[in-house]
Amino acid sequence: WRMRMLAVCLGLTAVAFLQAPGLMAIDTKVDLVVDPAGFLARALHVWDPTGTFGQLQNQAYGYLWPMGPFFVLGDVLGIPGWVVQRLWWSLLLIVAFTGVVTLAERLGIGTPWARIIAGVAFALSPRLLTELGPSSVEAWPSAVAPWVLVPLTALRHGVPLRRAITRSALAVACAGGVNATAVLAVVPLAAIWLAGGEGNIGHGDAV
């Protein structure tokens, strides 16, 4: 089972690296790839004097986590920018794939092969693939969405409500903040789950 999962993850990585190898894509912020540390330093200020004769920052703070640090780490390790970019795309696809597989497994849905097929279908869905090149950071919240529900499935096994909600909130925090609408779109998933009575609220657990 682990080898199958690993094989699929390697396949998704290959998909990312087959896209124009050796070249950097625009992907929202080119300077994030070229100078990630400098970009994040400028993201801490409202005014950016280095672009278009000076400009107001537009959602630059959203790159402070997790996309920005990922590119900074790649730069510190001396990895070429285009490779770091493809590794980021690979991570996005793998997070989406493993999230669906893990969620289906926790819920007892389908056979192992059916879960893998569902995970691949989600990772290679038009919503994710069409955003990889032009704006992968906007697809990232969708990839993280299954992981928002995974901690809540533990409520079925007696995990305290506060602990499950805290872990789910951490998954939401990892969705970043570049596109607030995309991030907020994953929150109703947890709310609907809890509203369905999965939390066993009232059995000694206060929200």
N, C-alpha and C. Protein backbone atom coordinates (compact mmCIF):
# COMPACT_ATOMS: atom_id res chain seq x y z
N TRP A 1 0.83 -1.21 0.00
CA TRP A 1 0.00 0.00 0.00
C TRP A 1 0.86 1.25 0.00
N ARG A 2 1.90 1.25 0.83
CA ARG A 2 2.77 2.42 0.88
C ARG A 2 3.53 2.60 -0.43
N MET A 3 3.92 1.50 -1.04
CA MET A 3 4.62 1.59 -2.32
C MET A 3 3.71 2.14 -3.41
N ARG A 4 2.44 1.77 -3.36
CA ARG A 4 1.48 2.30 -4.34
C ARG A 4 1.33 3.81 -4.15
N MET A 5 1.21 4.23 -2.91
CA MET A 5 1.08 5.65 -2.63
C MET A 5 2.32 6.40 -3.10
N LEU A 6 3.49 5.83 -2.80
CA LEU A 6 4.75 6.46 -3.21
C LEU A 6 4.84 6.55 -4.72
N ALA A 7 4.42 5.50 -5.40
CA ALA A 7 4.48 5.48 -6.87
C ALA A 7 3.60 6.59 -7.45
N VAL A 8 2.42 6.77 -6.89
CA VAL A 8 1.52 7.82 -7.38
C VAL A 8 2.13 9.20 -7.11
N CYS A 9 2.71 9.38 -5.92
CA CYS A 9 3.34 10.66 -5.59
C CYS A 9 4.49 10.98 -6.54
N LEU A 10 5.27 9.97 -6.88
CA LEU A 10 6.35 10.17 -7.85
C LEU A 10 5.79 10.50 -9.23
N GLY A 11 4.67 9.87 -9.57
CA GLY A 11 4.03 10.16 -10.85
C GLY A 11 3.54 11.60 -10.92
N LEU A 12 2.95 12.08 -9.82
CA LEU A 12 2.48 13.47 -9.77
C LEU A 12 3.65 14.44 -9.84
N THR A 13 4.76 14.07 -9.22
CA THR A 13 5.97 14.90 -9.30
C THR A 13 6.48 14.97 -10.73
N ALA A 14 6.42 13.83 -11.43
CA ALA A 14 6.85 13.80 -12.82
C ALA A 14 5.97 14.70 -13.68
N VAL A 15 4.67 14.71 -13.39
CA VAL A 15 3.75 15.58 -14.12
C VAL A 15 4.16 17.04 -13.98
N ALA A 16 4.55 17.43 -12.76
CA ALA A 16 4.96 18.82 -12.52
C ALA A 16 6.26 19.14 -13.26
N PHE A 17 7.22 18.22 -13.24
CA PHE A 17 8.53 18.50 -13.83
C PHE A 17 8.51 18.40 -15.35
N LEU A 18 7.49 17.80 -15.93
CA LEU A 18 7.40 17.71 -17.38
C LEU A 18 6.94 19.02 -18.01
N GLN A 19 6.48 19.96 -17.18
CA GLN A 19 6.00 21.24 -17.70
C GLN A 19 7.17 22.20 -17.92
N ALA A 20 7.56 22.38 -19.17
CA ALA A 20 8.61 23.34 -19.55
C ALA A 20 9.83 23.24 -18.65
N PRO A 21 10.49 22.08 -18.60
CA PRO A 21 11.66 21.95 -17.73
C PRO A 21 12.76 22.94 -18.10
N GLY A 22 13.37 23.50 -17.05
CA GLY A 22 14.45 24.46 -17.25
C GLY A 22 13.98 25.90 -17.32
N LEU A 23 12.67 26.11 -17.41
CA LEU A 23 12.13 27.47 -17.51
C LEU A 23 11.27 27.79 -16.29
N MET A 24 11.26 29.06 -15.90
CA MET A 24 10.42 29.49 -14.80
C MET A 24 9.10 30.02 -15.34
N ALA A 25 8.02 29.66 -14.69
CA ALA A 25 6.70 30.17 -15.07
C ALA A 25 6.40 31.46 -14.31
N ILE A 26 5.45 32.23 -14.82
CA ILE A 26 5.08 33.48 -14.16
C ILE A 26 4.59 33.21 -12.74
N ASP A 27 3.62 32.33 -12.61
CA ASP A 27 3.07 31.89 -11.32
C ASP A 27 2.91 33.02 -10.32
N THR A 28 2.15 34.03 -10.68
CA THR A 28 1.76 35.16 -9.83
C THR A 28 2.89 36.13 -9.53
N LYS A 29 3.93 35.64 -8.86
CA LYS A 29 5.02 36.53 -8.42
C LYS A 29 6.37 35.96 -8.87
N VAL A 30 6.91 36.50 -9.95
CA VAL A 30 8.20 36.02 -10.44
C VAL A 30 9.30 36.32 -9.43
N ASP A 31 9.22 37.48 -8.76
CA ASP A 31 10.27 37.84 -7.80
C ASP A 31 10.30 36.90 -6.61
N LEU A 32 9.21 36.17 -6.35
CA LEU A 32 9.22 35.17 -5.28
C LEU A 32 10.17 34.04 -5.63
N VAL A 33 10.28 33.72 -6.92
CA VAL A 33 11.18 32.66 -7.39
C VAL A 33 12.61 33.19 -7.49
N VAL A 34 12.76 34.40 -8.00
CA VAL A 34 14.09 34.96 -8.24
C VAL A 34 14.77 35.38 -6.94
N ASP A 35 14.03 36.05 -6.06
CA ASP A 35 14.59 36.55 -4.80
C ASP A 35 13.56 36.36 -3.69
N PRO A 36 13.35 35.12 -3.23
CA PRO A 36 12.28 34.86 -2.25
C PRO A 36 12.46 35.58 -0.93
N ALA A 37 13.70 35.65 -0.41
CA ALA A 37 13.92 36.33 0.87
C ALA A 37 13.62 37.82 0.74
N GLY A 38 14.08 38.43 -0.34
CA GLY A 38 13.80 39.85 -0.56
C GLY A 38 12.32 40.12 -0.72
N PHE A 39 11.64 39.24 -1.42
CA PHE A 39 10.20 39.41 -1.62
C PHE A 39 9.46 39.35 -0.29
N LEU A 40 9.81 38.38 0.56
CA LEU A 40 9.13 38.26 1.85
C LEU A 40 9.45 39.44 2.76
N ALA A 41 10.67 39.97 2.66
CA ALA A 41 11.02 41.15 3.45
C ALA A 41 10.17 42.34 3.03
N ARG A 42 9.96 42.50 1.73
CA ARG A 42 9.12 43.60 1.25
C ARG A 42 7.65 43.37 1.58
N ALA A 43 7.26 42.11 1.73
CA ALA A 43 5.86 41.80 2.03
C ALA A 43 5.45 42.28 3.42
N LEU A 44 6.42 42.59 4.26
CA LEU A 44 6.12 43.07 5.61
C LEU A 44 5.74 44.55 5.61
N HIS A 45 5.85 45.20 4.46
CA HIS A 45 5.54 46.64 4.37
C HIS A 45 4.42 46.87 3.36
N VAL A 46 3.62 47.88 3.64
CA VAL A 46 2.51 48.21 2.74
C VAL A 46 3.05 48.77 1.42
N TRP A 47 4.10 49.59 1.50
CA TRP A 47 4.63 50.24 0.31
C TRP A 47 5.87 49.50 -0.20
N ASP A 48 5.89 49.23 -1.50
CA ASP A 48 7.03 48.57 -2.14
C ASP A 48 7.65 49.54 -3.13
N PRO A 49 8.82 50.10 -2.82
CA PRO A 49 9.43 51.10 -3.71
C PRO A 49 10.15 50.51 -4.92
N THR A 50 10.25 49.19 -5.01
CA THR A 50 11.05 48.58 -6.07
C THR A 50 10.26 48.24 -7.33
N GLY A 51 8.94 48.25 -7.28
CA GLY A 51 8.14 47.84 -8.43
C GLY A 51 7.34 48.97 -9.03
N THR A 52 7.36 49.07 -10.35
CA THR A 52 6.57 50.07 -11.12
C THR A 52 6.66 51.47 -10.52
N PHE A 53 7.87 51.91 -10.24
CA PHE A 53 8.11 53.24 -9.66
C PHE A 53 7.44 53.41 -8.30
N GLY A 54 7.29 52.30 -7.59
CA GLY A 54 6.65 52.32 -6.28
C GLY A 54 5.21 51.84 -6.39
N GLN A 55 4.80 51.01 -5.44
CA GLN A 55 3.44 50.46 -5.50
C GLN A 55 2.98 50.00 -4.13
N LEU A 56 1.66 49.95 -3.96
CA LEU A 56 1.09 49.37 -2.76
C LEU A 56 1.09 47.85 -2.91
N GLN A 57 1.45 47.16 -1.85
CA GLN A 57 1.48 45.71 -1.89
C GLN A 57 0.06 45.15 -2.05
N ASN A 58 -0.05 44.12 -2.85
CA ASN A 58 -1.35 43.49 -3.07
C ASN A 58 -1.31 42.05 -2.56
N GLN A 59 -1.81 41.83 -1.35
CA GLN A 59 -1.90 40.51 -0.74
C GLN A 59 -0.55 39.81 -0.62
N ALA A 60 0.53 40.58 -0.58
CA ALA A 60 1.86 39.97 -0.48
C ALA A 60 2.04 39.24 0.85
N TYR A 61 1.34 39.69 1.89
CA TYR A 61 1.47 39.03 3.20
C TYR A 61 1.04 37.57 3.14
N GLY A 62 0.19 37.23 2.18
CA GLY A 62 -0.30 35.85 2.07
C GLY A 62 0.79 34.87 1.71
N TYR A 63 1.92 35.36 1.21
CA TYR A 63 3.02 34.48 0.84
C TYR A 63 3.95 34.17 2.01
N LEU A 64 3.70 34.80 3.15
CA LEU A 64 4.55 34.57 4.31
C LEU A 64 4.46 33.13 4.80
N TRP A 65 3.36 32.46 4.49
CA TRP A 65 3.19 31.05 4.86
C TRP A 65 2.12 30.43 3.98
N PRO A 66 2.34 29.24 3.42
CA PRO A 66 3.58 28.45 3.48
C PRO A 66 4.46 28.58 2.23
N MET A 67 3.95 29.25 1.18
CA MET A 67 4.66 29.26 -0.09
C MET A 67 5.99 29.99 0.00
N GLY A 68 6.01 31.14 0.65
CA GLY A 68 7.24 31.93 0.75
C GLY A 68 8.38 31.18 1.40
N PRO A 69 8.20 30.65 2.62
CA PRO A 69 9.28 29.91 3.27
C PRO A 69 9.77 28.71 2.45
N PHE A 70 8.87 28.07 1.70
CA PHE A 70 9.26 26.95 0.85
C PHE A 70 10.29 27.40 -0.18
N PHE A 71 10.04 28.55 -0.81
CA PHE A 71 10.96 29.06 -1.83
C PHE A 71 12.24 29.59 -1.20
N VAL A 72 12.14 30.15 -0.01
CA VAL A 72 13.35 30.62 0.70
C VAL A 72 14.26 29.43 1.01
N LEU A 73 13.66 28.33 1.48
CA LEU A 73 14.45 27.14 1.80
C LEU A 73 15.16 26.61 0.55
N GLY A 74 14.44 26.58 -0.57
CA GLY A 74 15.05 26.13 -1.82
C GLY A 74 16.21 27.02 -2.22
N ASP A 75 16.05 28.33 -2.03
CA ASP A 75 17.10 29.28 -2.38
C ASP A 75 18.31 29.10 -1.48
N VAL A 76 18.07 28.90 -0.18
CA VAL A 76 19.17 28.70 0.77
C VAL A 76 19.95 27.43 0.43
N LEU A 77 19.25 26.41 -0.04
CA LEU A 77 19.90 25.14 -0.39
C LEU A 77 20.58 25.20 -1.75
N GLY A 78 20.43 26.32 -2.46
CA GLY A 78 21.08 26.49 -3.76
C GLY A 78 20.39 25.74 -4.89
N ILE A 79 19.12 25.43 -4.72
CA ILE A 79 18.37 24.73 -5.76
C ILE A 79 17.92 25.73 -6.82
N PRO A 80 18.07 25.43 -8.10
CA PRO A 80 17.63 26.36 -9.15
C PRO A 80 16.17 26.75 -8.98
N GLY A 81 15.86 28.00 -9.32
CA GLY A 81 14.51 28.52 -9.11
C GLY A 81 13.43 27.70 -9.79
N TRP A 82 13.69 27.26 -11.02
CA TRP A 82 12.65 26.52 -11.74
C TRP A 82 12.39 25.17 -11.08
N VAL A 83 13.45 24.58 -10.48
CA VAL A 83 13.27 23.30 -9.78
C VAL A 83 12.44 23.50 -8.51
N VAL A 84 12.74 24.55 -7.77
CA VAL A 84 11.95 24.85 -6.56
C VAL A 84 10.49 25.05 -6.93
N GLN A 85 10.27 25.74 -8.03
CA GLN A 85 8.90 25.98 -8.49
C GLN A 85 8.19 24.66 -8.81
N ARG A 86 8.88 23.76 -9.49
CA ARG A 86 8.27 22.46 -9.81
C ARG A 86 8.07 21.61 -8.56
N LEU A 87 8.98 21.73 -7.60
CA LEU A 87 8.81 21.02 -6.33
C LEU A 87 7.60 21.53 -5.58
N TRP A 88 7.35 22.82 -5.66
CA TRP A 88 6.16 23.40 -5.04
C TRP A 88 4.90 22.86 -5.71
N TRP A 89 4.91 22.81 -7.02
CA TRP A 89 3.76 22.25 -7.74
C TRP A 89 3.56 20.79 -7.35
N SER A 90 4.66 20.06 -7.23
CA SER A 90 4.58 18.65 -6.85
C SER A 90 3.98 18.51 -5.46
N LEU A 91 4.42 19.36 -4.53
CA LEU A 91 3.88 19.33 -3.17
C LEU A 91 2.38 19.59 -3.18
N LEU A 92 1.96 20.55 -3.98
CA LEU A 92 0.53 20.87 -4.07
C LEU A 92 -0.28 19.67 -4.53
N LEU A 93 0.19 19.01 -5.58
CA LEU A 93 -0.52 17.85 -6.12
C LEU A 93 -0.52 16.69 -5.12
N ILE A 94 0.60 16.49 -4.43
CA ILE A 94 0.70 15.39 -3.46
C ILE A 94 -0.18 15.65 -2.25
N VAL A 95 -0.22 16.89 -1.78
CA VAL A 95 -1.08 17.23 -0.64
C VAL A 95 -2.55 16.98 -0.99
N ALA A 96 -2.94 17.38 -2.20
CA ALA A 96 -4.32 17.15 -2.64
C ALA A 96 -4.62 15.66 -2.73
N PHE A 97 -3.72 14.90 -3.32
CA PHE A 97 -3.91 13.46 -3.49
C PHE A 97 -3.99 12.73 -2.16
N THR A 98 -3.00 12.93 -1.30
CA THR A 98 -2.97 12.22 -0.03
C THR A 98 -4.10 12.66 0.90
N GLY A 99 -4.55 13.91 0.75
CA GLY A 99 -5.66 14.39 1.57
C GLY A 99 -6.94 13.63 1.29
N VAL A 100 -7.25 13.45 0.01
CA VAL A 100 -8.47 12.71 -0.36
C VAL A 100 -8.36 11.25 0.05
N VAL A 101 -7.19 10.63 -0.19
CA VAL A 101 -7.01 9.22 0.17
C VAL A 101 -7.14 9.03 1.69
N THR A 102 -6.52 9.91 2.46
CA THR A 102 -6.58 9.80 3.92
C THR A 102 -8.00 10.01 4.43
N LEU A 103 -8.69 10.99 3.87
CA LEU A 103 -10.07 11.26 4.30
C LEU A 103 -10.98 10.08 3.98
N ALA A 104 -10.85 9.53 2.79
CA ALA A 104 -11.68 8.38 2.41
C ALA A 104 -11.38 7.17 3.29
N GLU A 105 -10.10 7.02 3.64
CA GLU A 105 -9.70 5.90 4.51
C GLU A 105 -10.30 6.07 5.90
N ARG A 106 -10.23 7.29 6.44
CA ARG A 106 -10.78 7.54 7.78
C ARG A 106 -12.29 7.32 7.81
N LEU A 107 -12.95 7.61 6.70
CA LEU A 107 -14.41 7.47 6.63
C LEU A 107 -14.84 6.07 6.21
N GLY A 108 -13.86 5.25 5.83
CA GLY A 108 -14.19 3.90 5.40
C GLY A 108 -14.91 3.85 4.06
N ILE A 109 -14.57 4.78 3.18
CA ILE A 109 -15.23 4.86 1.88
C ILE A 109 -14.39 4.17 0.82
N GLY A 110 -14.97 3.25 0.09
CA GLY A 110 -14.31 2.63 -1.05
C GLY A 110 -13.20 1.65 -0.69
N THR A 111 -12.68 1.02 -1.72
CA THR A 111 -11.54 0.11 -1.58
C THR A 111 -10.26 0.93 -1.67
N PRO A 112 -9.12 0.34 -1.30
CA PRO A 112 -7.85 1.08 -1.42
C PRO A 112 -7.60 1.63 -2.82
N TRP A 113 -7.87 0.84 -3.85
CA TRP A 113 -7.66 1.31 -5.22
C TRP A 113 -8.63 2.43 -5.57
N ALA A 114 -9.88 2.32 -5.09
CA ALA A 114 -10.86 3.37 -5.37
C ALA A 114 -10.44 4.69 -4.73
N ARG A 115 -9.85 4.61 -3.55
CA ARG A 115 -9.38 5.82 -2.87
C ARG A 115 -8.23 6.46 -3.64
N ILE A 116 -7.34 5.63 -4.16
CA ILE A 116 -6.23 6.16 -4.94
C ILE A 116 -6.74 6.85 -6.21
N ILE A 117 -7.68 6.20 -6.87
CA ILE A 117 -8.25 6.79 -8.09
C ILE A 117 -8.93 8.12 -7.78
N ALA A 118 -9.67 8.17 -6.67
CA ALA A 118 -10.34 9.42 -6.27
C ALA A 118 -9.31 10.50 -5.96
N GLY A 119 -8.22 10.12 -5.29
CA GLY A 119 -7.18 11.09 -4.96
C GLY A 119 -6.51 11.66 -6.19
N VAL A 120 -6.21 10.78 -7.15
CA VAL A 120 -5.59 11.23 -8.40
C VAL A 120 -6.54 12.13 -9.17
N ALA A 121 -7.82 11.75 -9.20
CA ALA A 121 -8.82 12.56 -9.92
C ALA A 121 -8.91 13.96 -9.32
N PHE A 122 -8.82 14.05 -8.00
CA PHE A 122 -8.88 15.35 -7.35
C PHE A 122 -7.61 16.16 -7.63
N ALA A 123 -6.45 15.50 -7.51
CA ALA A 123 -5.18 16.20 -7.72
C ALA A 123 -5.04 16.71 -9.15
N LEU A 124 -5.59 15.96 -10.11
CA LEU A 124 -5.49 16.34 -11.52
C LEU A 124 -6.77 16.99 -12.04
N SER A 125 -7.60 17.47 -11.12
CA SER A 125 -8.84 18.13 -11.53
C SER A 125 -8.54 19.46 -12.22
N PRO A 126 -9.43 19.93 -13.08
CA PRO A 126 -9.20 21.20 -13.78
C PRO A 126 -8.93 22.36 -12.84
N ARG A 127 -9.60 22.39 -11.70
CA ARG A 127 -9.41 23.48 -10.74
C ARG A 127 -7.95 23.60 -10.31
N LEU A 128 -7.30 22.48 -10.07
CA LEU A 128 -5.91 22.51 -9.62
C LEU A 128 -4.93 22.66 -10.78
N LEU A 129 -5.13 21.90 -11.84
CA LEU A 129 -4.18 21.93 -12.95
C LEU A 129 -4.14 23.28 -13.65
N THR A 130 -5.30 23.91 -13.83
CA THR A 130 -5.33 25.18 -14.55
C THR A 130 -4.71 26.33 -13.76
N GLU A 131 -4.52 26.14 -12.45
CA GLU A 131 -3.94 27.19 -11.63
C GLU A 131 -2.44 26.98 -11.38
N LEU A 132 -1.92 25.81 -11.72
CA LEU A 132 -0.52 25.52 -11.39
C LEU A 132 0.45 26.53 -11.99
N GLY A 133 0.33 26.80 -13.28
CA GLY A 133 1.25 27.71 -13.93
C GLY A 133 1.01 29.17 -13.61
N PRO A 134 -0.21 29.67 -13.80
CA PRO A 134 -0.44 31.11 -13.62
C PRO A 134 -0.53 31.56 -12.18
N SER A 135 -1.09 30.73 -11.27
CA SER A 135 -1.28 31.17 -9.89
C SER A 135 -1.50 29.98 -8.97
N SER A 136 -0.44 29.23 -8.73
CA SER A 136 -0.56 28.01 -7.92
C SER A 136 -1.00 28.30 -6.50
N VAL A 137 -0.67 29.47 -6.00
CA VAL A 137 -1.03 29.80 -4.62
C VAL A 137 -2.55 29.85 -4.44
N GLU A 138 -3.28 30.13 -5.52
CA GLU A 138 -4.74 30.17 -5.42
C GLU A 138 -5.32 28.76 -5.43
N ALA A 139 -4.58 27.80 -5.96
CA ALA A 139 -5.04 26.41 -5.93
C ALA A 139 -4.68 25.73 -4.62
N TRP A 140 -3.74 26.27 -3.89
CA TRP A 140 -3.27 25.65 -2.66
C TRP A 140 -4.39 25.41 -1.63
N PRO A 141 -5.28 26.39 -1.37
CA PRO A 141 -6.36 26.12 -0.41
C PRO A 141 -7.24 24.93 -0.80
N SER A 142 -7.48 24.76 -2.09
CA SER A 142 -8.27 23.61 -2.54
C SER A 142 -7.54 22.30 -2.24
N ALA A 143 -6.23 22.30 -2.40
CA ALA A 143 -5.44 21.11 -2.12
C ALA A 143 -5.46 20.77 -0.63
N VAL A 144 -5.49 21.80 0.20
CA VAL A 144 -5.47 21.61 1.66
C VAL A 144 -6.86 21.22 2.20
N ALA A 145 -7.90 21.51 1.44
CA ALA A 145 -9.27 21.32 1.92
C ALA A 145 -9.55 19.96 2.56
N PRO A 146 -9.15 18.83 1.96
CA PRO A 146 -9.42 17.54 2.61
C PRO A 146 -8.80 17.41 3.99
N TRP A 147 -7.65 18.04 4.18
CA TRP A 147 -6.95 17.95 5.47
C TRP A 147 -7.66 18.74 6.56
N VAL A 148 -8.57 19.64 6.17
CA VAL A 148 -9.37 20.36 7.17
C VAL A 148 -10.36 19.40 7.83
N LEU A 149 -10.81 18.41 7.08
CA LEU A 149 -11.77 17.45 7.60
C LEU A 149 -11.13 16.26 8.29
N VAL A 150 -9.92 15.90 7.89
CA VAL A 150 -9.27 14.71 8.44
C VAL A 150 -9.21 14.72 9.97
N PRO A 151 -8.80 15.83 10.63
CA PRO A 151 -8.77 15.81 12.10
C PRO A 151 -10.16 15.61 12.73
N LEU A 152 -11.19 16.08 12.05
CA LEU A 152 -12.54 15.99 12.61
C LEU A 152 -13.07 14.55 12.56
N THR A 153 -12.53 13.74 11.67
CA THR A 153 -12.98 12.34 11.62
C THR A 153 -12.58 11.59 12.88
N ALA A 154 -11.57 12.10 13.60
CA ALA A 154 -11.13 11.45 14.83
C ALA A 154 -12.17 11.56 15.94
N LEU A 155 -13.15 12.45 15.78
CA LEU A 155 -14.21 12.57 16.78
C LEU A 155 -14.98 11.27 16.92
N ARG A 156 -15.03 10.49 15.85
CA ARG A 156 -15.71 9.20 15.89
C ARG A 156 -15.03 8.22 16.83
N HIS A 157 -13.76 8.48 17.11
CA HIS A 157 -12.98 7.55 17.93
C HIS A 157 -12.68 8.12 19.31
N GLY A 158 -13.46 9.11 19.70
CA GLY A 158 -13.36 9.64 21.05
C GLY A 158 -12.34 10.72 21.29
N VAL A 159 -11.74 11.27 20.23
CA VAL A 159 -10.80 12.38 20.40
C VAL A 159 -11.56 13.61 20.88
N PRO A 160 -11.06 14.32 21.88
CA PRO A 160 -11.76 15.51 22.40
C PRO A 160 -12.07 16.52 21.29
N LEU A 161 -13.22 17.14 21.41
CA LEU A 161 -13.68 18.08 20.39
C LEU A 161 -12.71 19.23 20.20
N ARG A 162 -12.22 19.79 21.31
CA ARG A 162 -11.32 20.94 21.20
C ARG A 162 -10.05 20.57 20.44
N ARG A 163 -9.52 19.39 20.72
CA ARG A 163 -8.30 18.97 20.05
C ARG A 163 -8.53 18.81 18.55
N ALA A 164 -9.65 18.20 18.19
CA ALA A 164 -9.96 17.99 16.77
C ALA A 164 -10.14 19.32 16.05
N ILE A 165 -10.85 20.24 16.69
CA ILE A 165 -11.09 21.55 16.07
C ILE A 165 -9.79 22.32 15.94
N THR A 166 -8.92 22.22 16.96
CA THR A 166 -7.63 22.92 16.90
C THR A 166 -6.79 22.42 15.74
N ARG A 167 -6.75 21.11 15.56
CA ARG A 167 -5.98 20.54 14.45
C ARG A 167 -6.58 20.94 13.11
N SER A 168 -7.89 20.98 13.05
CA SER A 168 -8.55 21.41 11.82
C SER A 168 -8.23 22.87 11.52
N ALA A 169 -8.21 23.69 12.57
CA ALA A 169 -7.89 25.11 12.41
C ALA A 169 -6.46 25.30 11.92
N LEU A 170 -5.55 24.43 12.36
CA LEU A 170 -4.17 24.50 11.90
C LEU A 170 -4.09 24.21 10.40
N ALA A 171 -4.92 23.28 9.94
CA ALA A 171 -4.97 22.99 8.51
C ALA A 171 -5.47 24.20 7.74
N VAL A 172 -6.47 24.89 8.29
CA VAL A 172 -6.97 26.11 7.66
C VAL A 172 -5.86 27.17 7.61
N ALA A 173 -5.09 27.28 8.70
CA ALA A 173 -4.00 28.25 8.74
C ALA A 173 -2.95 27.95 7.68
N CYS A 174 -2.75 26.68 7.37
CA CYS A 174 -1.77 26.29 6.36
C CYS A 174 -2.26 26.56 4.95
N ALA A 175 -3.52 26.97 4.81
CA ALA A 175 -4.05 27.28 3.48
C ALA A 175 -3.52 28.62 2.97
N GLY A 176 -2.79 29.36 3.81
CA GLY A 176 -2.24 30.63 3.38
C GLY A 176 -3.25 31.76 3.49
N GLY A 177 -2.92 32.90 2.85
CA GLY A 177 -3.81 34.04 2.96
C GLY A 177 -3.77 34.96 1.75
N VAL A 178 -3.28 34.46 0.61
CA VAL A 178 -3.21 35.30 -0.59
C VAL A 178 -4.60 35.61 -1.11
N ASN A 179 -5.45 34.60 -1.15
CA ASN A 179 -6.82 34.79 -1.61
C ASN A 179 -7.75 34.43 -0.46
N ALA A 180 -8.28 35.47 0.21
CA ALA A 180 -9.11 35.24 1.39
C ALA A 180 -10.36 34.44 1.05
N THR A 181 -10.92 34.67 -0.12
CA THR A 181 -12.13 33.94 -0.51
C THR A 181 -11.85 32.46 -0.65
N ALA A 182 -10.72 32.12 -1.26
CA ALA A 182 -10.37 30.71 -1.44
C ALA A 182 -10.12 30.04 -0.11
N VAL A 183 -9.51 30.75 0.83
CA VAL A 183 -9.24 30.18 2.15
C VAL A 183 -10.53 30.00 2.94
N LEU A 184 -11.38 31.02 2.90
CA LEU A 184 -12.65 30.94 3.64
C LEU A 184 -13.56 29.85 3.07
N ALA A 185 -13.34 29.49 1.82
CA ALA A 185 -14.18 28.47 1.21
C ALA A 185 -13.99 27.10 1.85
N VAL A 186 -12.83 26.88 2.50
CA VAL A 186 -12.61 25.57 3.13
C VAL A 186 -13.20 25.50 4.53
N VAL A 187 -13.52 26.64 5.12
CA VAL A 187 -14.05 26.66 6.48
C VAL A 187 -15.43 26.02 6.58
N PRO A 188 -16.36 26.29 5.64
CA PRO A 188 -17.68 25.66 5.75
C PRO A 188 -17.65 24.14 5.77
N LEU A 189 -16.58 23.53 5.23
CA LEU A 189 -16.48 22.07 5.27
C LEU A 189 -16.50 21.58 6.71
N ALA A 190 -15.69 22.22 7.56
CA ALA A 190 -15.65 21.83 8.96
C ALA A 190 -16.96 22.16 9.66
N ALA A 191 -17.55 23.32 9.33
CA ALA A 191 -18.80 23.72 9.96
C ALA A 191 -19.93 22.75 9.63
N ILE A 192 -20.00 22.34 8.36
CA ILE A 192 -21.04 21.39 7.94
C ILE A 192 -20.84 20.05 8.64
N TRP A 193 -19.58 19.63 8.76
CA TRP A 193 -19.28 18.35 9.42
C TRP A 193 -19.75 18.37 10.87
N LEU A 194 -19.42 19.47 11.57
CA LEU A 194 -19.80 19.57 12.98
C LEU A 194 -21.30 19.73 13.14
N ALA A 195 -21.92 20.45 12.20
CA ALA A 195 -23.38 20.63 12.26
C ALA A 195 -24.12 19.31 12.05
N GLY A 196 -23.44 18.35 11.41
CA GLY A 196 -24.06 17.06 11.17
C GLY A 196 -24.07 16.16 12.38
N GLY A 197 -23.52 16.66 13.50
CA GLY A 197 -23.58 15.88 14.74
C GLY A 197 -22.42 14.95 14.94
N GLU A 198 -21.34 15.09 14.12
CA GLU A 198 -20.21 14.17 14.24
C GLU A 198 -19.36 14.46 15.47
N GLY A 199 -19.57 15.65 16.06
CA GLY A 199 -18.72 16.02 17.17
C GLY A 199 -19.14 15.50 18.52
N ASN A 200 -20.33 14.87 18.59
CA ASN A 200 -20.85 14.40 19.89
C ASN A 200 -20.82 15.52 20.91
N ILE A 201 -21.21 16.74 20.49
CA ILE A 201 -21.20 17.88 21.38
C ILE A 201 -22.20 17.65 22.50
N GLY A 202 -21.76 17.97 23.70
CA GLY A 202 -22.65 17.81 24.83
C GLY A 202 -22.27 16.62 25.69
N HIS A 203 -21.30 15.82 25.27
CA HIS A 203 -20.82 14.68 26.05
C HIS A 203 -19.58 15.08 26.85
N GLY A 204 -19.71 16.19 27.56
CA GLY A 204 -18.59 16.62 28.39
C GLY A 204 -17.58 17.48 27.66
N ASP A 205 -17.84 17.81 26.39
CA ASP A 205 -16.91 18.63 25.63
C ASP A 205 -17.57 19.94 25.27
N ALA A 206 -17.06 21.04 25.76
CA ALA A 206 -17.59 22.35 25.42
C ALA A 206 -16.75 22.93 24.30
N VAL A 207 -17.38 23.68 23.41
CA VAL A 207 -16.65 24.31 22.32
C VAL A 207 -15.85 25.48 22.89
